[in-house]
């Protein structure tokens, strides 16, 4: 409670840092915020061309499918990247004046919350063009974003603290985030992965086949994946179970429906949502404690 009171007392510093972060990002830029959407939209366009046109992905409304998955991922990715360097970039301020150091990762987080909000407005405009129904289930985005922001803060806080002492952190996290992206159901339906069976005689294939059931369990406890699923459930599926299996050249609609029902019974989604929430809160608490304990050495180290 004492730390929360202190953060509230220095709220003007937090707001000024958020405002400065937003202003600096687009300084001398003609398009301003549009640059935040232009790059993701180009990436989504490439994925759409590769997976929908070339590989003939059977997913309906695949563009909306991609965007609703990429928005929360982009928020998480950019928050972690910005926060990892937040202390080292503000070392002059850290040495010059006292303020709760937790303001630094919080300012990076809140700056990206603003970007996510603006991007969501753009998404609603695209939905109007694509005639995607707007309904009350869109409100699922709010708790999903809170869950993701909690997890992102915890991870960002500990990485920000470690990066002051170890320069390797920023390089490691950049590579890990690139791998993490493909382990998150942004460009493929979750049900297709959960229903996947691996067979083969090679040692690596056999090892993956042996560990695959455990991998699926861990996969569903990832707060980032849960958030992506919640976005899709609320924005595209009317709040229904997000474990969806698509039909295709090797799977008829009847087979897809049967597999989907089996997977939804096998993986009760709310159990994993609660598990992901516990993990997110644990990361937030542990990350904050690590950051707080190391913050007294920031000025000396810098």
Protein backbone atom coordinates (compact mmCIF):
# COMPACT_ATOMS: atom_id res chain seq x y z
CA UNK A 1 0.00 0.00 0.00
CA UNK A 2 2.87 2.36 0.77
CA UNK A 3 4.28 1.88 -2.74
CA UNK A 4 0.88 2.48 -4.33
CA UNK A 5 0.49 5.69 -2.33
CA UNK A 6 3.93 6.79 -3.46
CA UNK A 7 3.10 6.04 -7.11
CA UNK A 8 -0.06 8.10 -6.77
CA UNK A 9 1.89 10.98 -5.24
CA UNK A 10 4.24 10.97 -8.25
CA UNK A 11 1.46 10.42 -10.81
CA UNK A 12 2.35 13.64 -12.62
CA UNK A 13 5.82 12.24 -13.35
CA UNK A 14 4.18 9.12 -14.76
CA UNK A 15 1.77 11.08 -16.95
CA UNK A 16 4.54 13.34 -18.21
CA UNK A 17 6.71 10.34 -19.14
CA UNK A 18 3.80 8.72 -20.98
CA UNK A 19 3.08 11.96 -22.84
CA UNK A 20 6.74 12.39 -23.71
CA UNK A 21 7.02 8.79 -24.93
CA UNK A 22 4.08 9.32 -27.25
CA UNK A 23 5.44 12.62 -28.52
CA UNK A 24 9.00 11.39 -29.08
CA UNK A 25 7.92 8.29 -30.98
CA UNK A 26 6.35 10.38 -33.75
CA UNK A 27 8.47 13.51 -33.55
CA UNK A 28 8.96 15.08 -37.00
CA UNK A 29 6.75 12.36 -38.51
CA UNK A 30 4.17 13.45 -41.08
CA UNK A 31 1.92 10.41 -40.66
CA UNK A 32 2.32 10.23 -36.86
CA UNK A 33 0.25 7.43 -35.32
CA UNK A 34 -0.45 5.92 -38.74
CA UNK A 35 3.10 4.56 -38.75
CA UNK A 36 2.09 2.37 -35.79
CA UNK A 37 -0.54 0.74 -38.00
CA UNK A 38 1.22 0.82 -41.35
CA UNK A 39 3.97 -1.66 -40.47
CA UNK A 40 1.62 -4.20 -38.80
CA UNK A 41 -0.84 -3.93 -41.69
CA UNK A 42 1.95 -4.65 -44.18
CA UNK A 43 2.99 -7.70 -42.17
CA UNK A 44 -0.60 -8.89 -41.99
CA UNK A 45 -0.94 -8.35 -45.74
CA UNK A 46 2.09 -10.58 -46.39
CA UNK A 47 0.77 -13.29 -44.07
CA UNK A 48 -2.63 -13.11 -45.75
CA UNK A 49 -1.03 -13.54 -49.18
CA UNK A 50 1.16 -16.46 -48.03
CA UNK A 51 -1.29 -18.39 -45.88
CA UNK A 52 -4.62 -17.56 -47.53
CA UNK A 53 -3.74 -17.17 -51.21
CA UNK A 54 -0.73 -19.47 -51.64
CA UNK A 55 -1.36 -22.10 -48.94
CA UNK A 56 -5.17 -21.75 -49.21
CA UNK A 57 -5.94 -21.48 -45.50
CA UNK A 58 -9.64 -22.42 -45.07
CA UNK A 59 -10.23 -19.96 -42.22
CA UNK A 60 -13.15 -17.63 -42.97
CA UNK A 61 -12.53 -13.89 -42.55
CA UNK A 62 -8.82 -14.67 -42.36
CA UNK A 63 -7.82 -11.01 -42.45
CA UNK A 64 -9.97 -10.27 -39.39
CA UNK A 65 -8.57 -13.46 -37.82
CA UNK A 66 -5.01 -12.18 -38.29
CA UNK A 67 -5.67 -8.65 -37.05
CA UNK A 68 -7.51 -9.70 -33.89
CA UNK A 69 -4.62 -11.99 -33.00
CA UNK A 70 -1.84 -9.58 -33.94
CA UNK A 71 -3.12 -6.56 -31.99
CA UNK A 72 -2.65 -8.08 -28.49
CA UNK A 73 0.63 -9.66 -29.58
CA UNK A 74 1.92 -6.32 -30.89
CA UNK A 75 0.96 -4.65 -27.60
CA UNK A 76 2.79 -7.30 -25.57
CA UNK A 77 5.84 -7.38 -27.84
CA UNK A 78 6.29 -3.60 -27.95
CA UNK A 79 5.70 -3.20 -24.21
CA UNK A 80 8.38 -5.74 -23.34
CA UNK A 81 10.86 -4.25 -25.83
CA UNK A 82 10.25 -0.68 -24.65
CA UNK A 83 10.38 -1.60 -20.97
CA UNK A 84 13.57 -3.63 -21.24
CA UNK A 85 15.51 -0.46 -22.10
CA UNK A 86 13.45 2.01 -20.06
CA UNK A 87 15.89 2.30 -17.14
CA UNK A 88 19.08 2.51 -19.19
CA UNK A 89 17.53 5.14 -21.47
CA UNK A 90 16.43 7.23 -18.48
CA UNK A 91 19.65 6.86 -16.49
CA UNK A 92 20.27 10.61 -16.49
CA UNK A 93 16.86 11.16 -14.88
CA UNK A 94 17.45 8.31 -12.42
CA UNK A 95 20.69 9.94 -11.23
CA UNK A 96 19.24 13.43 -11.13
CA UNK A 97 16.01 13.09 -9.14
CA UNK A 98 14.15 10.76 -6.84
CA UNK A 99 10.88 9.17 -7.91
CA UNK A 100 9.48 5.63 -7.63
CA UNK A 101 11.52 3.72 -10.21
CA UNK A 102 8.51 1.52 -11.03
CA UNK A 103 7.20 4.55 -12.92
CA UNK A 104 9.64 3.76 -15.74
CA UNK A 105 8.23 0.36 -16.81
CA UNK A 106 4.72 1.60 -16.03
CA UNK A 107 5.17 4.55 -18.40
CA UNK A 108 6.23 2.19 -21.19
CA UNK A 109 3.22 -0.02 -20.47
CA UNK A 110 0.72 2.85 -20.42
CA UNK A 111 2.17 4.35 -23.61
CA UNK A 112 1.46 1.09 -25.40
CA UNK A 113 -2.01 0.90 -23.86
CA UNK A 114 -2.72 4.20 -25.61
CA UNK A 115 -1.44 2.77 -28.91
CA UNK A 116 -3.55 -0.37 -28.44
CA UNK A 117 -6.64 1.76 -27.81
CA UNK A 118 -6.07 3.79 -30.97
CA UNK A 119 -5.39 0.62 -32.95
CA UNK A 120 -8.63 -0.88 -31.64
CA UNK A 121 -10.52 2.14 -32.96
CA UNK A 122 -8.95 1.48 -36.37
CA UNK A 123 -9.99 -2.18 -36.06
CA UNK A 124 -13.59 -1.18 -35.42
CA UNK A 125 -13.49 0.91 -38.59
CA UNK A 126 -12.22 -2.09 -40.55
CA UNK A 127 -14.94 -4.26 -39.03
CA UNK A 128 -17.52 -1.75 -40.25
CA UNK A 129 -16.10 -2.09 -43.77
CA UNK A 130 -16.06 -5.90 -43.54
CA UNK A 131 -19.55 -5.89 -41.96
CA UNK A 132 -18.46 -7.80 -38.89
CA UNK A 133 -21.21 -7.61 -36.26
CA UNK A 134 -20.52 -5.48 -33.18
CA UNK A 135 -21.96 -6.98 -29.99
CA UNK A 136 -21.66 -7.00 -26.21
CA UNK A 137 -19.04 -9.76 -26.32
CA UNK A 138 -16.53 -7.15 -27.47
CA UNK A 139 -16.23 -6.29 -23.77
CA UNK A 140 -14.15 -9.46 -23.34
CA UNK A 141 -11.30 -7.37 -24.72
CA UNK A 142 -11.14 -5.40 -21.45
CA UNK A 143 -10.36 -8.26 -19.01
CA UNK A 144 -8.15 -9.88 -21.65
CA UNK A 145 -6.09 -6.69 -21.97
CA UNK A 146 -5.86 -6.35 -18.18
CA UNK A 147 -4.56 -9.92 -17.96
CA UNK A 148 -1.99 -9.29 -20.68
CA UNK A 149 -0.94 -5.94 -19.19
CA UNK A 150 -0.42 -7.58 -15.78
CA UNK A 151 1.78 -10.27 -17.28
CA UNK A 152 3.64 -7.76 -19.47
CA UNK A 153 4.37 -5.51 -16.48
CA UNK A 154 5.85 -8.34 -14.43
CA UNK A 155 8.03 -9.59 -17.25
CA UNK A 156 9.04 -6.06 -18.26
CA UNK A 157 9.95 -5.00 -14.73
CA UNK A 158 12.37 -7.87 -14.15
CA UNK A 159 13.90 -7.48 -17.62
CA UNK A 160 14.30 -3.73 -17.13
CA UNK A 161 16.16 -4.34 -13.87
CA UNK A 162 18.41 -7.05 -15.30
CA UNK A 163 19.22 -5.03 -18.41
CA UNK A 164 20.91 -2.38 -16.25
CA UNK A 165 23.47 -4.95 -15.12
CA UNK A 166 23.58 -7.26 -18.14
CA UNK A 167 23.60 -5.76 -21.64
CA UNK A 168 22.90 -9.21 -23.12
CA UNK A 169 19.30 -9.09 -21.90
CA UNK A 170 18.07 -6.87 -24.73
CA UNK A 171 19.58 -9.20 -27.35
CA UNK A 172 18.24 -12.34 -25.71
CA UNK A 173 14.71 -11.00 -25.29
CA UNK A 174 14.59 -9.83 -28.91
CA UNK A 175 15.34 -13.36 -30.12
CA UNK A 176 12.99 -14.98 -27.61
CA UNK A 177 10.11 -12.73 -28.65
CA UNK A 178 10.63 -13.74 -32.28
CA UNK A 179 10.30 -17.40 -31.27
CA UNK A 180 7.43 -16.67 -28.89
CA UNK A 181 5.41 -15.17 -31.73
CA UNK A 182 5.24 -18.48 -33.59
CA UNK A 183 4.32 -20.26 -30.35
CA UNK A 184 1.27 -18.00 -30.06
CA UNK A 185 -1.88 -18.69 -32.16
CA UNK A 186 -1.70 -15.50 -34.19
CA UNK A 187 -1.46 -16.91 -37.72
CA UNK A 188 -3.11 -20.31 -37.13
CA UNK A 189 -6.21 -21.58 -35.28
CA UNK A 190 -5.52 -23.05 -31.86
CA UNK A 191 -7.73 -26.07 -32.51
CA UNK A 192 -5.57 -27.18 -35.42
CA UNK A 193 -2.56 -27.29 -33.12
CA UNK A 194 -4.36 -29.04 -30.25
CA UNK A 195 -5.64 -31.69 -32.66
CA UNK A 196 -2.22 -32.21 -34.22
CA UNK A 197 -0.59 -35.65 -33.95
CA UNK A 198 3.09 -36.11 -34.75
CA UNK A 199 4.36 -39.38 -36.21
CA UNK A 200 7.71 -40.41 -37.62
CA UNK A 201 10.82 -42.50 -37.04
CA UNK A 202 13.38 -39.72 -36.62
CA UNK A 203 14.57 -39.20 -33.05
CA UNK A 204 13.53 -35.54 -32.99
CA UNK A 205 10.04 -36.35 -34.26
CA UNK A 206 9.66 -39.11 -31.69
CA UNK A 207 10.83 -36.80 -28.91
CA UNK A 208 8.32 -34.14 -29.95
CA UNK A 209 5.55 -36.77 -30.15
CA UNK A 210 6.38 -37.92 -26.62
CA UNK A 211 6.33 -34.41 -25.16
CA UNK A 212 3.50 -33.01 -27.29
CA UNK A 213 0.69 -33.62 -24.73
CA UNK A 214 2.68 -31.71 -22.10
CA UNK A 215 3.53 -28.97 -24.58
CA UNK A 216 -0.17 -28.48 -25.32
CA UNK A 217 -0.94 -28.09 -21.61
CA UNK A 218 1.82 -25.50 -21.16
CA UNK A 219 0.73 -23.76 -24.36
CA UNK A 220 -2.76 -23.17 -22.99
CA UNK A 221 -1.38 -21.63 -19.79
CA UNK A 222 0.50 -18.90 -21.67
CA UNK A 223 -1.18 -15.57 -20.77
CA UNK A 224 -0.36 -14.17 -24.23
CA UNK A 225 -2.07 -17.08 -26.01
CA UNK A 226 -5.07 -16.84 -23.67
CA UNK A 227 -5.37 -13.13 -24.43
CA UNK A 228 -5.25 -13.75 -28.19
CA UNK A 229 -7.97 -16.39 -27.80
CA UNK A 230 -10.10 -14.02 -25.71
CA UNK A 231 -9.81 -11.30 -28.36
CA UNK A 232 -10.92 -13.72 -31.06
CA UNK A 233 -13.71 -15.12 -28.93
CA UNK A 234 -15.08 -11.68 -28.12
CA UNK A 235 -14.57 -9.99 -31.48
CA UNK A 236 -15.23 -12.80 -33.96
CA UNK A 237 -16.94 -15.72 -32.22
CA UNK A 238 -19.62 -14.08 -30.09
CA UNK A 239 -18.01 -15.10 -26.80
CA UNK A 240 -17.98 -18.81 -27.69
CA UNK A 241 -15.25 -21.31 -26.88
CA UNK A 242 -12.15 -20.15 -28.81
CA UNK A 243 -10.92 -23.70 -29.53
CA UNK A 244 -12.01 -23.93 -33.15
CA UNK A 245 -11.00 -26.56 -35.72
CA UNK A 246 -11.22 -25.61 -39.38
CA UNK A 247 -12.06 -27.96 -42.22
CA UNK A 248 -9.82 -28.25 -45.25
CA UNK A 249 -8.46 -30.52 -47.97
CA UNK A 250 -7.63 -33.25 -45.44
CA UNK A 251 -10.57 -32.72 -43.06
CA UNK A 252 -14.27 -32.57 -43.91
CA UNK A 253 -16.64 -30.17 -42.08
CA UNK A 254 -18.13 -33.12 -40.18
CA UNK A 255 -14.69 -34.31 -39.07
CA UNK A 256 -13.72 -30.76 -38.08
CA UNK A 257 -16.90 -30.38 -35.99
CA UNK A 258 -16.34 -33.72 -34.25
CA UNK A 259 -12.71 -32.90 -33.47
CA UNK A 260 -13.67 -29.45 -32.22
CA UNK A 261 -16.24 -30.88 -29.80
CA UNK A 262 -13.69 -33.45 -28.58
CA UNK A 263 -10.98 -30.83 -28.01
CA UNK A 264 -13.34 -28.44 -26.21
CA UNK A 265 -14.26 -31.25 -23.82
CA UNK A 266 -10.63 -32.37 -23.44
CA UNK A 267 -9.30 -28.86 -22.76
CA UNK A 268 -11.80 -26.96 -20.54
CA UNK A 269 -10.83 -23.43 -21.49
CA UNK A 270 -11.84 -21.73 -18.24
CA UNK A 271 -9.40 -23.89 -16.27
CA UNK A 272 -6.58 -22.58 -18.43
CA UNK A 273 -7.83 -18.99 -18.23
CA UNK A 274 -7.67 -19.17 -14.44
CA UNK A 275 -4.23 -20.78 -14.64
CA UNK A 276 -2.99 -18.04 -16.98
CA UNK A 277 -4.40 -15.38 -14.62
CA UNK A 278 -2.50 -16.91 -11.67
CA UNK A 279 0.71 -16.98 -13.75
CA UNK A 280 0.23 -13.35 -14.84
CA UNK A 281 -0.31 -12.15 -11.26
CA UNK A 282 2.66 -14.19 -10.03
CA UNK A 283 4.88 -12.64 -12.71
CA UNK A 284 3.65 -9.15 -11.79
CA UNK A 285 4.41 -9.65 -8.09
CA UNK A 286 7.79 -11.34 -8.59
CA UNK A 287 8.81 -8.94 -11.35
CA UNK A 288 7.94 -5.91 -9.23
CA UNK A 289 9.84 -7.28 -6.23
CA UNK A 290 12.93 -7.95 -8.33
CA UNK A 291 12.75 -4.48 -9.84
CA UNK A 292 12.19 -2.82 -6.46
CA UNK A 293 15.11 -4.59 -4.77
CA UNK A 294 17.52 -3.84 -7.61
CA UNK A 295 16.33 -0.25 -8.14
CA UNK A 296 18.53 1.08 -5.29
CA UNK A 297 21.60 0.11 -7.35
CA UNK A 298 20.51 1.65 -10.65
CA UNK A 299 22.20 5.02 -10.17
CA UNK A 300 25.42 3.44 -8.91
CA UNK A 301 25.53 0.94 -11.77
CA UNK A 302 24.74 3.56 -14.39
